Amino acid sequence: MTRRQVGILIAIAGVLACVLVALADPLGLGHDGLGPKKDALLAIGVLLIVIGLVVALRSRHTKQLEEMHHMRG
């Protein structure tokens, strides 16, 4: 599995966490004071999205740099 694929999977996990937060109340998971836990899950989801995108985009940038270096040498 490439770094780009790993980054995409991390970002997807973040999206799923955010979707779970959005669906918690309609699914009946929002009762019993889950407010702070939902906030934490949302923050983790957003963080995973950012980290996943950085990993995916950096891998593409690194690959381009390696190709340029290979062409020179």
PDB file of N, CA and C in Angstrom:
ATOM      1  N   MET A   1       0.845  -1.167   0.000  1.00  0.00           N
ATOM      2  CA  MET A   1       0.000   0.000   0.000  1.00  0.00           C
ATOM      3  C   MET A   1       0.898   1.241   0.000  1.00  0.00           C
ATOM      4  N   THR A   2       0.605   2.176  -0.877  1.00  0.00           N
ATOM      5  CA  THR A   2       1.426   3.378  -1.008  1.00  0.00           C
ATOM      6  C   THR A   2       1.061   4.395   0.076  1.00  0.00           C
ATOM      7  N   ARG A   3       1.939   5.375   0.246  1.00  0.00           N
ATOM      8  CA  ARG A   3       1.661   6.445   1.220  1.00  0.00           C
ATOM      9  C   ARG A   3       0.409   7.213   0.829  1.00  0.00           C
ATOM     10  N   ARG A   4       0.216   7.386  -0.456  1.00  0.00           N
ATOM     11  CA  ARG A   4      -0.975   8.101  -0.918  1.00  0.00           C
ATOM     12  C   ARG A   4      -2.244   7.358  -0.511  1.00  0.00           C
ATOM     13  N   GLN A   5      -2.244   6.047  -0.688  1.00  0.00           N
ATOM     14  CA  GLN A   5      -3.409   5.246  -0.303  1.00  0.00           C
ATOM     15  C   GLN A   5      -3.639   5.286   1.202  1.00  0.00           C
ATOM     16  N   VAL A   6      -2.564   5.251   1.967  1.00  0.00           N
ATOM     17  CA  VAL A   6      -2.685   5.343   3.422  1.00  0.00           C
ATOM     18  C   VAL A   6      -3.284   6.692   3.812  1.00  0.00           C
ATOM     19  N   GLY A   7      -2.822   7.751   3.169  1.00  0.00           N
ATOM     20  CA  GLY A   7      -3.363   9.081   3.447  1.00  0.00           C
ATOM     21  C   GLY A   7      -4.839   9.166   3.131  1.00  0.00           C
ATOM     22  N   ILE A   8      -5.231   8.575   2.031  1.00  0.00           N
ATOM     23  CA  ILE A   8      -6.643   8.585   1.654  1.00  0.00           C
ATOM     24  C   ILE A   8      -7.476   7.809   2.674  1.00  0.00           C
ATOM     25  N   LEU A   9      -6.966   6.675   3.130  1.00  0.00           N
ATOM     26  CA  LEU A   9      -7.688   5.891   4.135  1.00  0.00           C
ATOM     27  C   LEU A   9      -7.826   6.645   5.454  1.00  0.00           C
ATOM     28  N   ILE A  10      -6.776   7.357   5.841  1.00  0.00           N
ATOM     29  CA  ILE A  10      -6.843   8.164   7.067  1.00  0.00           C
ATOM     30  C   ILE A  10      -7.899   9.249   6.917  1.00  0.00           C
ATOM     31  N   ALA A  11      -7.925   9.909   5.759  1.00  0.00           N
ATOM     32  CA  ALA A  11      -8.919  10.960   5.523  1.00  0.00           C
ATOM     33  C   ALA A  11     -10.334  10.381   5.521  1.00  0.00           C
ATOM     34  N   ILE A  12     -10.511   9.211   4.954  1.00  0.00           N
ATOM     35  CA  ILE A  12     -11.834   8.576   4.941  1.00  0.00           C
ATOM     36  C   ILE A  12     -12.278   8.255   6.372  1.00  0.00           C
ATOM     37  N   ALA A  13     -11.350   7.798   7.200  1.00  0.00           N
ATOM     38  CA  ALA A  13     -11.684   7.531   8.602  1.00  0.00           C
ATOM     39  C   ALA A  13     -12.152   8.811   9.287  1.00  0.00           C
ATOM     40  N   GLY A  14     -11.517   9.927   8.971  1.00  0.00           N
ATOM     41  CA  GLY A  14     -11.929  11.205   9.526  1.00  0.00           C
ATOM     42  C   GLY A  14     -13.318  11.619   9.064  1.00  0.00           C
ATOM     43  N   VAL A  15     -13.588  11.397   7.807  1.00  0.00           N
ATOM     44  CA  VAL A  15     -14.922  11.711   7.272  1.00  0.00           C
ATOM     45  C   VAL A  15     -15.982  10.853   7.955  1.00  0.00           C
ATOM     46  N   LEU A  16     -15.684   9.573   8.146  1.00  0.00           N
ATOM     47  CA  LEU A  16     -16.633   8.685   8.814  1.00  0.00           C
ATOM     48  C   LEU A  16     -16.885   9.131  10.253  1.00  0.00           C
ATOM     49  N   ALA A  17     -15.841   9.582  10.935  1.00  0.00           N
ATOM     50  CA  ALA A  17     -16.014  10.079  12.301  1.00  0.00           C
ATOM     51  C   ALA A  17     -16.924  11.305  12.313  1.00  0.00           C
ATOM     52  N   CYS A  18     -16.728  12.202  11.367  1.00  0.00           N
ATOM     53  CA  CYS A  18     -17.565  13.404  11.286  1.00  0.00           C
ATOM     54  C   CYS A  18     -19.005  13.051  10.938  1.00  0.00           C
ATOM     55  N   VAL A  19     -19.198  12.093  10.054  1.00  0.00           N
ATOM     56  CA  VAL A  19     -20.554  11.649   9.696  1.00  0.00           C
ATOM     57  C   VAL A  19     -21.235  11.027  10.908  1.00  0.00           C
ATOM     58  N   LEU A  20     -20.487  10.250  11.678  1.00  0.00           N
ATOM     59  CA  LEU A  20     -21.053   9.650  12.888  1.00  0.00           C
ATOM     60  C   LEU A  20     -21.524  10.722  13.868  1.00  0.00           C
ATOM     61  N   VAL A  21     -20.748  11.780  14.013  1.00  0.00           N
ATOM     62  CA  VAL A  21     -21.150  12.888  14.881  1.00  0.00           C
ATOM     63  C   VAL A  21     -22.433  13.528  14.348  1.00  0.00           C
ATOM     64  N   ALA A  22     -22.492  13.725  13.041  1.00  0.00           N
ATOM     65  CA  ALA A  22     -23.670  14.368  12.450  1.00  0.00           C
ATOM     66  C   ALA A  22     -24.918  13.497  12.588  1.00  0.00           C
ATOM     67  N   LEU A  23     -24.743  12.178  12.583  1.00  0.00           N
ATOM     68  CA  LEU A  23     -25.884  11.274  12.654  1.00  0.00           C
ATOM     69  C   LEU A  23     -26.192  10.790  14.070  1.00  0.00           C
ATOM     70  N   ALA A  24     -25.414  11.208  15.047  1.00  0.00           N
ATOM     71  CA  ALA A  24     -25.585  10.705  16.410  1.00  0.00           C
ATOM     72  C   ALA A  24     -26.984  10.998  16.958  1.00  0.00           C
ATOM     73  N   ASP A  25     -27.436  12.230  16.826  1.00  0.00           N
ATOM     74  CA  ASP A  25     -28.763  12.577  17.350  1.00  0.00           C
ATOM     75  C   ASP A  25     -29.887  11.870  16.586  1.00  0.00           C
ATOM     76  N   PRO A  26     -29.879  11.899  15.247  1.00  0.00           N
ATOM     77  CA  PRO A  26     -30.948  11.193  14.535  1.00  0.00           C
ATOM     78  C   PRO A  26     -30.975   9.683  14.811  1.00  0.00           C
ATOM     79  N   LEU A  27     -29.830   9.098  15.117  1.00  0.00           N
ATOM     80  CA  LEU A  27     -29.779   7.669  15.402  1.00  0.00           C
ATOM     81  C   LEU A  27     -30.074   7.354  16.871  1.00  0.00           C
ATOM     82  N   GLY A  28     -30.273   8.395  17.665  1.00  0.00           N
ATOM     83  CA  GLY A  28     -30.564   8.195  19.072  1.00  0.00           C
ATOM     84  C   GLY A  28     -29.332   7.979  19.924  1.00  0.00           C
ATOM     85  N   LEU A  29     -28.160   8.331  19.403  1.00  0.00           N
ATOM     86  CA  LEU A  29     -26.925   8.172  20.156  1.00  0.00           C
ATOM     87  C   LEU A  29     -26.557   9.433  20.937  1.00  0.00           C
ATOM     88  N   GLY A  30     -27.334  10.475  20.784  1.00  0.00           N
ATOM     89  CA  GLY A  30     -26.990  11.754  21.386  1.00  0.00           C
ATOM     90  C   GLY A  30     -27.539  11.964  22.779  1.00  0.00           C
ATOM     91  N   HIS A  31     -28.193  10.993  23.324  1.00  0.00           N
ATOM     92  CA  HIS A  31     -28.765  11.136  24.653  1.00  0.00           C
ATOM     93  C   HIS A  31     -27.700  10.869  25.716  1.00  0.00           C
ATOM     94  N   ASP A  32     -28.050  11.114  26.943  1.00  0.00           N
ATOM     95  CA  ASP A  32     -27.186  10.822  28.091  1.00  0.00           C
ATOM     96  C   ASP A  32     -25.905  11.642  28.097  1.00  0.00           C
ATOM     97  N   GLY A  33     -25.965  12.868  27.659  1.00  0.00           N
ATOM     98  CA  GLY A  33     -24.820  13.767  27.789  1.00  0.00           C
ATOM     99  C   GLY A  33     -23.596  13.404  26.973  1.00  0.00           C
ATOM    100  N   LEU A  34     -23.788  13.059  25.736  1.00  0.00           N
ATOM    101  CA  LEU A  34     -22.654  12.737  24.875  1.00  0.00           C
ATOM    102  C   LEU A  34     -22.036  13.981  24.236  1.00  0.00           C
ATOM    103  N   GLY A  35     -22.491  15.156  24.603  1.00  0.00           N
ATOM    104  CA  GLY A  35     -22.008  16.395  23.992  1.00  0.00           C
ATOM    105  C   GLY A  35     -20.504  16.506  23.909  1.00  0.00           C
ATOM    106  N   PRO A  36     -19.794  16.430  25.042  1.00  0.00           N
ATOM    107  CA  PRO A  36     -18.333  16.554  24.982  1.00  0.00           C
ATOM    108  C   PRO A  36     -17.674  15.428  24.182  1.00  0.00           C
ATOM    109  N   LYS A  37     -18.242  14.247  24.240  1.00  0.00           N
ATOM    110  CA  LYS A  37     -17.674  13.134  23.472  1.00  0.00           C
ATOM    111  C   LYS A  37     -17.869  13.354  21.976  1.00  0.00           C
ATOM    112  N   LYS A  38     -19.019  13.898  21.609  1.00  0.00           N
ATOM    113  CA  LYS A  38     -19.247  14.199  20.188  1.00  0.00           C
ATOM    114  C   LYS A  38     -18.306  15.295  19.721  1.00  0.00           C
ATOM    115  N   ASP A  39     -18.093  16.292  20.575  1.00  0.00           N
ATOM    116  CA  ASP A  39     -17.162  17.361  20.215  1.00  0.00           C
ATOM    117  C   ASP A  39     -15.754  16.810  20.012  1.00  0.00           C
ATOM    118  N   ALA A  40     -15.339  15.912  20.899  1.00  0.00           N
ATOM    119  CA  ALA A  40     -14.010  15.306  20.773  1.00  0.00           C
ATOM    120  C   ALA A  40     -13.915  14.469  19.503  1.00  0.00           C
ATOM    121  N   LEU A  41     -14.964  13.696  19.207  1.00  0.00           N
ATOM    122  CA  LEU A  41     -14.960  12.878  17.997  1.00  0.00           C
ATOM    123  C   LEU A  41     -14.917  13.746  16.741  1.00  0.00           C
ATOM    124  N   LEU A  42     -15.627  14.863  16.773  1.00  0.00           N
ATOM    125  CA  LEU A  42     -15.594  15.784  15.632  1.00  0.00           C
ATOM    126  C   LEU A  42     -14.194  16.351  15.446  1.00  0.00           C
ATOM    127  N   ALA A  43     -13.559  16.748  16.546  1.00  0.00           N
ATOM    128  CA  ALA A  43     -12.198  17.289  16.464  1.00  0.00           C
ATOM    129  C   ALA A  43     -11.228  16.236  15.933  1.00  0.00           C
ATOM    130  N   ILE A  44     -11.366  15.008  16.405  1.00  0.00           N
ATOM    131  CA  ILE A  44     -10.506  13.924  15.923  1.00  0.00           C
ATOM    132  C   ILE A  44     -10.764  13.660  14.439  1.00  0.00           C
ATOM    133  N   GLY A  45     -12.027  13.691  14.034  1.00  0.00           N
ATOM    134  CA  GLY A  45     -12.364  13.473  12.634  1.00  0.00           C
ATOM    135  C   GLY A  45     -11.749  14.521  11.725  1.00  0.00           C
ATOM    136  N   VAL A  46     -11.870  15.775  12.131  1.00  0.00           N
ATOM    137  CA  VAL A  46     -11.286  16.859  11.325  1.00  0.00           C
ATOM    138  C   VAL A  46      -9.772  16.713  11.266  1.00  0.00           C
ATOM    139  N   LEU A  47      -9.166  16.366  12.408  1.00  0.00           N
ATOM    140  CA  LEU A  47      -7.717  16.181  12.446  1.00  0.00           C
ATOM    141  C   LEU A  47      -7.279  15.040  11.532  1.00  0.00           C
ATOM    142  N   LEU A  48      -8.035  13.950  11.534  1.00  0.00           N
ATOM    143  CA  LEU A  48      -7.710  12.827  10.647  1.00  0.00           C
ATOM    144  C   LEU A  48      -7.832  13.220   9.173  1.00  0.00           C
ATOM    145  N   ILE A  49      -8.833  14.022   8.851  1.00  0.00           N
ATOM    146  CA  ILE A  49      -8.981  14.476   7.465  1.00  0.00           C
ATOM    147  C   ILE A  49      -7.758  15.284   7.045  1.00  0.00           C
ATOM    148  N   VAL A  50      -7.347  16.207   7.891  1.00  0.00           N
ATOM    149  CA  VAL A  50      -6.193  17.058   7.565  1.00  0.00           C
ATOM    150  C   VAL A  50      -4.927  16.215   7.440  1.00  0.00           C
ATOM    151  N   ILE A  51      -4.693  15.338   8.416  1.00  0.00           N
ATOM    152  CA  ILE A  51      -3.493  14.493   8.377  1.00  0.00           C
ATOM    153  C   ILE A  51      -3.504  13.603   7.130  1.00  0.00           C
ATOM    154  N   GLY A  52      -4.648  13.011   6.836  1.00  0.00           N
ATOM    155  CA  GLY A  52      -4.743  12.144   5.662  1.00  0.00           C
ATOM    156  C   GLY A  52      -4.451  12.886   4.369  1.00  0.00           C
ATOM    157  N   LEU A  53      -4.997  14.081   4.251  1.00  0.00           N
ATOM    158  CA  LEU A  53      -4.741  14.871   3.036  1.00  0.00           C
ATOM    159  C   LEU A  53      -3.273  15.278   2.934  1.00  0.00           C
ATOM    160  N   VAL A  54      -2.672  15.646   4.055  1.00  0.00           N
ATOM    161  CA  VAL A  54      -1.252  16.011   4.033  1.00  0.00           C
ATOM    162  C   VAL A  54      -0.402  14.827   3.608  1.00  0.00           C
ATOM    163  N   VAL A  55      -0.678  13.655   4.174  1.00  0.00           N
ATOM    164  CA  VAL A  55       0.089  12.454   3.807  1.00  0.00           C
ATOM    165  C   VAL A  55      -0.096  12.145   2.321  1.00  0.00           C
ATOM    166  N   ALA A  56      -1.324  12.202   1.845  1.00  0.00           N
ATOM    167  CA  ALA A  56      -1.592  11.883   0.436  1.00  0.00           C
ATOM    168  C   ALA A  56      -0.933  12.883  -0.497  1.00  0.00           C
ATOM    169  N   LEU A  57      -1.040  14.162  -0.184  1.00  0.00           N
ATOM    170  CA  LEU A  57      -0.478  15.172  -1.072  1.00  0.00           C
ATOM    171  C   LEU A  57       1.039  15.219  -0.999  1.00  0.00           C
ATOM    172  N   ARG A  58       1.601  15.000   0.180  1.00  0.00           N
ATOM    173  CA  ARG A  58       3.057  14.984   0.298  1.00  0.00           C
ATOM    174  C   ARG A  58       3.655  13.811  -0.459  1.00  0.00           C
ATOM    175  N   SER A  59       2.973  12.680  -0.461  1.00  0.00           N
ATOM    176  CA  SER A  59       3.507  11.529  -1.183  1.00  0.00           C
ATOM    177  C   SER A  59       3.573  11.816  -2.675  1.00  0.00           C
ATOM    178  N   ARG A  60       2.555  12.518  -3.179  1.00  0.00           N
ATOM    179  CA  ARG A  60       2.560  12.868  -4.604  1.00  0.00           C
ATOM    180  C   ARG A  60       3.685  13.858  -4.898  1.00  0.00           C
ATOM    181  N   HIS A  61       3.873  14.846  -4.006  1.00  0.00           N
ATOM    182  CA  HIS A  61       4.924  15.840  -4.187  1.00  0.00           C
ATOM    183  C   HIS A  61       6.298  15.177  -4.105  1.00  0.00           C
ATOM    184  N   THR A  62       6.469  14.270  -3.161  1.00  0.00           N
ATOM    185  CA  THR A  62       7.736  13.552  -3.010  1.00  0.00           C
ATOM    186  C   THR A  62       8.030  12.724  -4.256  1.00  0.00           C
ATOM    187  N   LYS A  63       7.002  12.092  -4.797  1.00  0.00           N
ATOM    188  CA  LYS A  63       7.187  11.281  -6.000  1.00  0.00           C
ATOM    189  C   LYS A  63       7.631  12.157  -7.169  1.00  0.00           C
ATOM    190  N   GLN A  64       7.051  13.351  -7.306  1.00  0.00           N
ATOM    191  CA  GLN A  64       7.442  14.248  -8.388  1.00  0.00           C
ATOM    192  C   GLN A  64       8.888  14.688  -8.221  1.00  0.00           C
ATOM    193  N   LEU A  65       9.297  14.964  -6.978  1.00  0.00           N
ATOM    194  CA  LEU A  65      10.685  15.366  -6.745  1.00  0.00           C
ATOM    195  C   LEU A  65      11.650  14.233  -7.068  1.00  0.00           C
ATOM    196  N   GLU A  66      11.272  13.007  -6.705  1.00  0.00           N
ATOM    197  CA  GLU A  66      12.125  11.859  -7.010  1.00  0.00           C
ATOM    198  C   GLU A  66      12.250  11.664  -8.513  1.00  0.00           C
ATOM    199  N   GLU A  67      11.151  11.858  -9.250  1.00  0.00           N
ATOM    200  CA  GLU A  67      11.203  11.712 -10.702  1.00  0.00           C
ATOM    201  C   GLU A  67      12.092  12.780 -11.323  1.00  0.00           C
ATOM    202  N   MET A  68      12.005  14.008 -10.805  1.00  0.00           N
ATOM    203  CA  MET A  68      12.857  15.082 -11.328  1.00  0.00           C
ATOM    204  C   MET A  68      14.326  14.791 -11.039  1.00  0.00           C
ATOM    205  N   HIS A  69      14.602  14.292  -9.855  1.00  0.00           N
ATOM    206  CA  HIS A  69      15.979  13.967  -9.483  1.00  0.00           C
ATOM    207  C   HIS A  69      16.500  12.816 -10.339  1.00  0.00           C
ATOM    208  N   HIS A  70      15.659  11.846 -10.610  1.00  0.00           N
ATOM    209  CA  HIS A  70      16.050  10.699 -11.431  1.00  0.00           C
ATOM    210  C   HIS A  70      16.342  11.141 -12.862  1.00  0.00           C
ATOM    211  N   MET A  71      15.582  12.099 -13.375  1.00  0.00           N
ATOM    212  CA  MET A  71      15.777  12.566 -14.749  1.00  0.00           C
ATOM    213  C   MET A  71      17.112  13.294 -14.881  1.00  0.00           C
ATOM    214  N   ARG A  72      17.534  13.962 -13.832  1.00  0.00           N
ATOM    215  CA  ARG A  72      18.801  14.696 -13.885  1.00  0.00           C
ATOM    216  C   ARG A  72      20.009  13.765 -13.833  1.00  0.00           C
ATOM    217  N   GLY A  73      19.847  12.698 -13.060  1.00  0.00           N
ATOM    218  CA  GLY A  73      21.036  11.925 -12.765  1.00  0.00           C
ATOM    219  C   GLY A  73      21.198  10.662 -13.439  1.00  0.00           C
TER     220      GLY A  73
END
